[in-house]
């Protein structure tokens, strides 16, 4: 059973490697959540919105996937 509301794994992998289209997809996916998190007294705070977006981008480019699955014990 697949959750269609999640970003596809391939998109996330491409975004972490710097693929511009995939990065844009990730930013669009989280844009509503970022705007909501940046509300201050019911008003959108652009500085906070930019800070959250910048933090997301930094984390995205630092993220690394494991190259191989964890070894199994025999």
PDB file of N, CA and C in Angstrom:
ATOM      1  N   UNK A   1       0.839  -1.170   0.000  1.00  0.00           N
ATOM      2  CA  UNK A   1       0.000   0.000   0.000  1.00  0.00           C
ATOM      3  C   UNK A   1       0.893   1.245   0.000  1.00  0.00           C
ATOM      4  N   UNK A   2       0.704   2.106  -0.955  1.00  0.00           N
ATOM      5  CA  UNK A   2       1.552   3.273  -1.115  1.00  0.00           C
ATOM      6  C   UNK A   2       0.784   4.544  -0.781  1.00  0.00           C
ATOM      7  N   UNK A   3       1.432   5.459  -0.077  1.00  0.00           N
ATOM      8  CA  UNK A   3       0.817   6.734   0.253  1.00  0.00           C
ATOM      9  C   UNK A   3       1.140   7.722  -0.869  1.00  0.00           C
ATOM     10  N   UNK A   4       0.149   8.051  -1.680  1.00  0.00           N
ATOM     11  CA  UNK A   4       0.368   8.920  -2.838  1.00  0.00           C
ATOM     12  C   UNK A   4       0.595  10.377  -2.458  1.00  0.00           C
ATOM     13  N   UNK A   5       0.367  10.722  -1.191  1.00  0.00           N
ATOM     14  CA  UNK A   5       0.586  12.100  -0.771  1.00  0.00           C
ATOM     15  C   UNK A   5       2.049  12.386  -0.436  1.00  0.00           C
ATOM     16  N   UNK A   6       2.868  11.356  -0.356  1.00  0.00           N
ATOM     17  CA  UNK A   6       4.280  11.538  -0.053  1.00  0.00           C
ATOM     18  C   UNK A   6       5.069  11.811  -1.330  1.00  0.00           C
ATOM     19  N   UNK A   7       6.189  12.482  -1.166  1.00  0.00           N
ATOM     20  CA  UNK A   7       7.085  12.668  -2.304  1.00  0.00           C
ATOM     21  C   UNK A   7       7.678  11.321  -2.697  1.00  0.00           C
ATOM     22  N   UNK A   8       7.816  11.072  -3.983  1.00  0.00           N
ATOM     23  CA  UNK A   8       8.450   9.822  -4.401  1.00  0.00           C
ATOM     24  C   UNK A   8       9.917   9.770  -3.943  1.00  0.00           C
ATOM     25  N   UNK A   9      10.348   8.582  -3.582  1.00  0.00           N
ATOM     26  CA  UNK A   9      11.722   8.362  -3.122  1.00  0.00           C
ATOM     27  C   UNK A   9      12.732   8.873  -4.146  1.00  0.00           C
ATOM     28  N   UNK A  10      12.475   8.607  -5.416  1.00  0.00           N
ATOM     29  CA  UNK A  10      13.386   9.010  -6.478  1.00  0.00           C
ATOM     30  C   UNK A  10      13.556  10.535  -6.517  1.00  0.00           C
ATOM     31  N   UNK A  11      12.482  11.257  -6.264  1.00  0.00           N
ATOM     32  CA  UNK A  11      12.535  12.720  -6.250  1.00  0.00           C
ATOM     33  C   UNK A  11      13.443  13.204  -5.121  1.00  0.00           C
ATOM     34  N   UNK A  12      13.327  12.571  -3.973  1.00  0.00           N
ATOM     35  CA  UNK A  12      14.152  12.964  -2.829  1.00  0.00           C
ATOM     36  C   UNK A  12      15.624  12.672  -3.116  1.00  0.00           C
ATOM     37  N   UNK A  13      15.905  11.521  -3.685  1.00  0.00           N
ATOM     38  CA  UNK A  13      17.283  11.164  -4.025  1.00  0.00           C
ATOM     39  C   UNK A  13      17.857  12.173  -5.019  1.00  0.00           C
ATOM     40  N   UNK A  14      17.091  12.516  -6.046  1.00  0.00           N
ATOM     41  CA  UNK A  14      17.547  13.487  -7.039  1.00  0.00           C
ATOM     42  C   UNK A  14      17.759  14.861  -6.408  1.00  0.00           C
ATOM     43  N   UNK A  15      16.868  15.254  -5.500  1.00  0.00           N
ATOM     44  CA  UNK A  15      16.991  16.563  -4.848  1.00  0.00           C
ATOM     45  C   UNK A  15      18.249  16.628  -3.987  1.00  0.00           C
ATOM     46  N   UNK A  16      18.575  15.537  -3.295  1.00  0.00           N
ATOM     47  CA  UNK A  16      19.778  15.551  -2.453  1.00  0.00           C
ATOM     48  C   UNK A  16      21.040  15.638  -3.282  1.00  0.00           C
ATOM     49  N   UNK A  17      20.959  15.239  -4.549  1.00  0.00           N
ATOM     50  CA  UNK A  17      22.133  15.340  -5.424  1.00  0.00           C
ATOM     51  C   UNK A  17      22.155  16.659  -6.185  1.00  0.00           C
ATOM     52  N   UNK A  18      21.162  17.524  -5.943  1.00  0.00           N
ATOM     53  CA  UNK A  18      21.190  18.866  -6.517  1.00  0.00           C
ATOM     54  C   UNK A  18      20.429  19.039  -7.814  1.00  0.00           C
ATOM     55  N   UNK A  19      19.645  18.072  -8.227  1.00  0.00           N
ATOM     56  CA  UNK A  19      18.840  18.190  -9.446  1.00  0.00           C
ATOM     57  C   UNK A  19      17.830  19.332  -9.262  1.00  0.00           C
ATOM     58  N   UNK A  20      17.961  20.420 -10.044  1.00  0.00           N
ATOM     59  CA  UNK A  20      17.127  21.610  -9.833  1.00  0.00           C
ATOM     60  C   UNK A  20      15.615  21.345  -9.875  1.00  0.00           C
ATOM     61  N   UNK A  21      15.175  20.524 -10.792  1.00  0.00           N
ATOM     62  CA  UNK A  21      13.744  20.250 -10.909  1.00  0.00           C
ATOM     63  C   UNK A  21      13.228  19.504  -9.671  1.00  0.00           C
ATOM     64  N   UNK A  22      14.018  18.570  -9.170  1.00  0.00           N
ATOM     65  CA  UNK A  22      13.634  17.815  -7.977  1.00  0.00           C
ATOM     66  C   UNK A  22      13.643  18.710  -6.743  1.00  0.00           C
ATOM     67  N   UNK A  23      14.635  19.591  -6.639  1.00  0.00           N
ATOM     68  CA  UNK A  23      14.685  20.533  -5.510  1.00  0.00           C
ATOM     69  C   UNK A  23      13.449  21.419  -5.534  1.00  0.00           C
ATOM     70  N   UNK A  24      13.073  21.890  -6.707  1.00  0.00           N
ATOM     71  CA  UNK A  24      11.884  22.721  -6.840  1.00  0.00           C
ATOM     72  C   UNK A  24      10.630  21.950  -6.432  1.00  0.00           C
ATOM     73  N   UNK A  25      10.558  20.685  -6.788  1.00  0.00           N
ATOM     74  CA  UNK A  25       9.420  19.844  -6.403  1.00  0.00           C
ATOM     75  C   UNK A  25       9.326  19.725  -4.887  1.00  0.00           C
ATOM     76  N   UNK A  26      10.465  19.517  -4.228  1.00  0.00           N
ATOM     77  CA  UNK A  26      10.488  19.428  -2.763  1.00  0.00           C
ATOM     78  C   UNK A  26      10.032  20.752  -2.139  1.00  0.00           C
ATOM     79  N   UNK A  27      10.537  21.865  -2.657  1.00  0.00           N
ATOM     80  CA  UNK A  27      10.137  23.171  -2.122  1.00  0.00           C
ATOM     81  C   UNK A  27       8.645  23.423  -2.324  1.00  0.00           C
ATOM     82  N   UNK A  28       8.115  23.051  -3.474  1.00  0.00           N
ATOM     83  CA  UNK A  28       6.683  23.215  -3.715  1.00  0.00           C
ATOM     84  C   UNK A  28       5.873  22.329  -2.774  1.00  0.00           C
ATOM     85  N   UNK A  29       6.342  21.118  -2.549  1.00  0.00           N
ATOM     86  CA  UNK A  29       5.649  20.176  -1.678  1.00  0.00           C
ATOM     87  C   UNK A  29       5.525  20.738  -0.253  1.00  0.00           C
ATOM     88  N   UNK A  30       6.587  21.365   0.231  1.00  0.00           N
ATOM     89  CA  UNK A  30       6.599  21.876   1.603  1.00  0.00           C
ATOM     90  C   UNK A  30       6.178  23.350   1.719  1.00  0.00           C
ATOM     91  N   UNK A  31       5.887  24.014   0.630  1.00  0.00           N
ATOM     92  CA  UNK A  31       5.612  25.455   0.670  1.00  0.00           C
ATOM     93  C   UNK A  31       4.437  25.817   1.574  1.00  0.00           C
ATOM     94  N   UNK A  32       3.364  25.058   1.533  1.00  0.00           N
ATOM     95  CA  UNK A  32       2.205  25.367   2.390  1.00  0.00           C
ATOM     96  C   UNK A  32       2.551  25.189   3.859  1.00  0.00           C
ATOM     97  N   UNK A  33       3.296  24.151   4.170  1.00  0.00           N
ATOM     98  CA  UNK A  33       3.689  23.914   5.561  1.00  0.00           C
ATOM     99  C   UNK A  33       4.630  25.008   6.049  1.00  0.00           C
ATOM    100  N   UNK A  34       5.527  25.446   5.174  1.00  0.00           N
ATOM    101  CA  UNK A  34       6.459  26.511   5.532  1.00  0.00           C
ATOM    102  C   UNK A  34       5.702  27.815   5.792  1.00  0.00           C
ATOM    103  N   UNK A  35       4.774  28.144   4.905  1.00  0.00           N
ATOM    104  CA  UNK A  35       3.979  29.370   5.110  1.00  0.00           C
ATOM    105  C   UNK A  35       3.202  29.309   6.412  1.00  0.00           C
ATOM    106  N   UNK A  36       2.628  28.150   6.713  1.00  0.00           N
ATOM    107  CA  UNK A  36       1.874  28.004   7.955  1.00  0.00           C
ATOM    108  C   UNK A  36       2.790  28.169   9.165  1.00  0.00           C
ATOM    109  N   UNK A  37       3.976  27.579   9.110  1.00  0.00           N
ATOM    110  CA  UNK A  37       4.930  27.666  10.220  1.00  0.00           C
ATOM    111  C   UNK A  37       5.459  29.086  10.394  1.00  0.00           C
ATOM    112  N   UNK A  38       5.396  29.899   9.334  1.00  0.00           N
ATOM    113  CA  UNK A  38       5.926  31.264   9.379  1.00  0.00           C
ATOM    114  C   UNK A  38       4.882  32.291   9.794  1.00  0.00           C
ATOM    115  N   UNK A  39       3.706  31.851  10.190  1.00  0.00           N
ATOM    116  CA  UNK A  39       2.680  32.794  10.633  1.00  0.00           C
ATOM    117  C   UNK A  39       3.019  33.342  12.015  1.00  0.00           C
ATOM    118  N   UNK A  40       2.929  34.646  12.142  1.00  0.00           N
ATOM    119  CA  UNK A  40       3.126  35.316  13.419  1.00  0.00           C
ATOM    120  C   UNK A  40       1.924  36.227  13.624  1.00  0.00           C
ATOM    121  N   UNK A  41       1.139  35.950  14.659  1.00  0.00           N
ATOM    122  CA  UNK A  41      -0.090  36.702  14.926  1.00  0.00           C
ATOM    123  C   UNK A  41      -1.007  36.733  13.708  1.00  0.00           C
ATOM    124  N   UNK A  42      -1.082  35.608  13.007  1.00  0.00           N
ATOM    125  CA  UNK A  42      -1.958  35.492  11.855  1.00  0.00           C
ATOM    126  C   UNK A  42      -1.427  36.110  10.577  1.00  0.00           C
ATOM    127  N   UNK A  43      -0.242  36.678  10.610  1.00  0.00           N
ATOM    128  CA  UNK A  43       0.363  37.310   9.438  1.00  0.00           C
ATOM    129  C   UNK A  43       1.601  36.532   9.003  1.00  0.00           C
ATOM    130  N   UNK A  44       1.774  36.419   7.703  1.00  0.00           N
ATOM    131  CA  UNK A  44       2.950  35.721   7.176  1.00  0.00           C
ATOM    132  C   UNK A  44       4.191  36.575   7.405  1.00  0.00           C
ATOM    133  N   UNK A  45       5.205  35.996   7.968  1.00  0.00           N
ATOM    134  CA  UNK A  45       6.475  36.681   8.195  1.00  0.00           C
ATOM    135  C   UNK A  45       7.467  36.155   7.155  1.00  0.00           C
ATOM    136  N   UNK A  46       7.789  36.991   6.178  1.00  0.00           N
ATOM    137  CA  UNK A  46       8.657  36.574   5.067  1.00  0.00           C
ATOM    138  C   UNK A  46      10.056  36.194   5.542  1.00  0.00           C
ATOM    139  N   UNK A  47      10.563  36.875   6.560  1.00  0.00           N
ATOM    140  CA  UNK A  47      11.903  36.547   7.073  1.00  0.00           C
ATOM    141  C   UNK A  47      11.930  35.123   7.635  1.00  0.00           C
ATOM    142  N   UNK A  48      10.899  34.773   8.388  1.00  0.00           N
ATOM    143  CA  UNK A  48      10.830  33.435   8.954  1.00  0.00           C
ATOM    144  C   UNK A  48      10.648  32.408   7.841  1.00  0.00           C
ATOM    145  N   UNK A  49       9.812  32.731   6.859  1.00  0.00           N
ATOM    146  CA  UNK A  49       9.585  31.830   5.730  1.00  0.00           C
ATOM    147  C   UNK A  49      10.889  31.571   4.970  1.00  0.00           C
ATOM    148  N   UNK A  50      11.669  32.609   4.737  1.00  0.00           N
ATOM    149  CA  UNK A  50      12.951  32.458   4.052  1.00  0.00           C
ATOM    150  C   UNK A  50      13.933  31.648   4.888  1.00  0.00           C
ATOM    151  N   UNK A  51      13.922  31.867   6.198  1.00  0.00           N
ATOM    152  CA  UNK A  51      14.811  31.127   7.092  1.00  0.00           C
ATOM    153  C   UNK A  51      14.480  29.632   7.061  1.00  0.00           C
ATOM    154  N   UNK A  52      13.195  29.294   7.136  1.00  0.00           N
ATOM    155  CA  UNK A  52      12.783  27.893   7.114  1.00  0.00           C
ATOM    156  C   UNK A  52      13.162  27.251   5.777  1.00  0.00           C
ATOM    157  N   UNK A  53      12.920  27.963   4.682  1.00  0.00           N
ATOM    158  CA  UNK A  53      13.263  27.450   3.353  1.00  0.00           C
ATOM    159  C   UNK A  53      14.765  27.233   3.235  1.00  0.00           C
ATOM    160  N   UNK A  54      15.543  28.178   3.718  1.00  0.00           N
ATOM    161  CA  UNK A  54      17.002  28.059   3.677  1.00  0.00           C
ATOM    162  C   UNK A  54      17.473  26.867   4.504  1.00  0.00           C
ATOM    163  N   UNK A  55      16.871  26.681   5.670  1.00  0.00           N
ATOM    164  CA  UNK A  55      17.229  25.565   6.537  1.00  0.00           C
ATOM    165  C   UNK A  55      16.891  24.229   5.869  1.00  0.00           C
ATOM    166  N   UNK A  56      15.736  24.165   5.201  1.00  0.00           N
ATOM    167  CA  UNK A  56      15.354  22.960   4.472  1.00  0.00           C
ATOM    168  C   UNK A  56      16.352  22.656   3.365  1.00  0.00           C
ATOM    169  N   UNK A  57      16.753  23.672   2.617  1.00  0.00           N
ATOM    170  CA  UNK A  57      17.713  23.474   1.532  1.00  0.00           C
ATOM    171  C   UNK A  57      19.063  22.996   2.056  1.00  0.00           C
ATOM    172  N   UNK A  58      19.529  23.585   3.139  1.00  0.00           N
ATOM    173  CA  UNK A  58      20.798  23.159   3.729  1.00  0.00           C
ATOM    174  C   UNK A  58      20.739  21.697   4.159  1.00  0.00           C
ATOM    175  N   UNK A  59      19.630  21.328   4.801  1.00  0.00           N
ATOM    176  CA  UNK A  59      19.476  19.945   5.260  1.00  0.00           C
ATOM    177  C   UNK A  59      19.382  18.993   4.077  1.00  0.00           C
ATOM    178  N   UNK A  60      18.712  19.421   3.036  1.00  0.00           N
ATOM    179  CA  UNK A  60      18.550  18.590   1.843  1.00  0.00           C
ATOM    180  C   UNK A  60      19.895  18.270   1.205  1.00  0.00           C
ATOM    181  N   UNK A  61      20.772  19.257   1.120  1.00  0.00           N
ATOM    182  CA  UNK A  61      22.064  19.044   0.478  1.00  0.00           C
ATOM    183  C   UNK A  61      23.067  18.332   1.377  1.00  0.00           C
ATOM    184  N   UNK A  62      22.845  18.334   2.694  1.00  0.00           N
ATOM    185  CA  UNK A  62      23.716  17.605   3.616  1.00  0.00           C
ATOM    186  C   UNK A  62      23.315  16.139   3.738  1.00  0.00           C
ATOM    187  N   UNK A  63      22.055  15.839   3.427  1.00  0.00           N
ATOM    188  CA  UNK A  63      21.526  14.498   3.634  1.00  0.00           C
ATOM    189  C   UNK A  63      22.214  13.491   2.724  1.00  0.00           C
ATOM    190  N   UNK A  64      22.588  12.346   3.284  1.00  0.00           N
ATOM    191  CA  UNK A  64      23.221  11.285   2.519  1.00  0.00           C
ATOM    192  C   UNK A  64      22.495   9.974   2.792  1.00  0.00           C
ATOM    193  N   UNK A  65      22.278   9.201   1.748  1.00  0.00           N
ATOM    194  CA  UNK A  65      21.671   7.886   1.868  1.00  0.00           C
ATOM    195  C   UNK A  65      22.777   6.857   2.048  1.00  0.00           C
ATOM    196  N   UNK A  66      22.447   5.762   2.697  1.00  0.00           N
ATOM    197  CA  UNK A  66      23.399   4.670   2.816  1.00  0.00           C
ATOM    198  C   UNK A  66      23.553   4.030   1.444  1.00  0.00           C
ATOM    199  N   UNK A  67      24.771   3.736   1.067  1.00  0.00           N
ATOM    200  CA  UNK A  67      25.026   3.133  -0.239  1.00  0.00           C
ATOM    201  C   UNK A  67      24.547   1.682  -0.300  1.00  0.00           C
ATOM    202  N   UNK A  68      24.635   1.004   0.808  1.00  0.00           N
ATOM    203  CA  UNK A  68      24.210  -0.395   0.804  1.00  0.00           C
ATOM    204  C   UNK A  68      23.414  -0.662   2.078  1.00  0.00           C
ATOM    205  N   UNK A  69      22.563  -1.662   2.039  1.00  0.00           N
ATOM    206  CA  UNK A  69      21.783  -2.004   3.235  1.00  0.00           C
ATOM    207  C   UNK A  69      22.687  -2.460   4.378  1.00  0.00           C
ATOM    208  N   UNK A  70      22.166  -2.366   5.569  1.00  0.00           N
ATOM    209  CA  UNK A  70      22.926  -2.803   6.739  1.00  0.00           C
ATOM    210  C   UNK A  70      23.273  -4.277   6.626  1.00  0.00           C
ATOM    211  N   UNK A  71      24.483  -4.654   7.049  1.00  0.00           N
ATOM    212  CA  UNK A  71      24.856  -6.075   6.965  1.00  0.00           C
ATOM    213  C   UNK A  71      24.005  -6.900   7.927  1.00  0.00           C
ATOM    214  N   UNK A  72      23.681  -8.098   7.501  1.00  0.00           N
ATOM    215  CA  UNK A  72      22.898  -8.983   8.354  1.00  0.00           C
ATOM    216  C   UNK A  72      23.847  -9.848   9.163  1.00  0.00           C
ATOM    217  N   UNK A  73      23.388 -10.216  10.332  1.00  0.00           N
ATOM    218  CA  UNK A  73      24.215 -11.106  11.174  1.00  0.00           C
ATOM    219  C   UNK A  73      23.933 -12.544  10.774  1.00  0.00           C
ATOM    220  N   UNK A  74      24.971 -13.324  10.686  1.00  0.00           N
ATOM    221  CA  UNK A  74      24.833 -14.722  10.290  1.00  0.00           C
ATOM    222  C   UNK A  74      25.202 -15.635  11.422  1.00  0.00           C
TER     223      UNK A  74
END
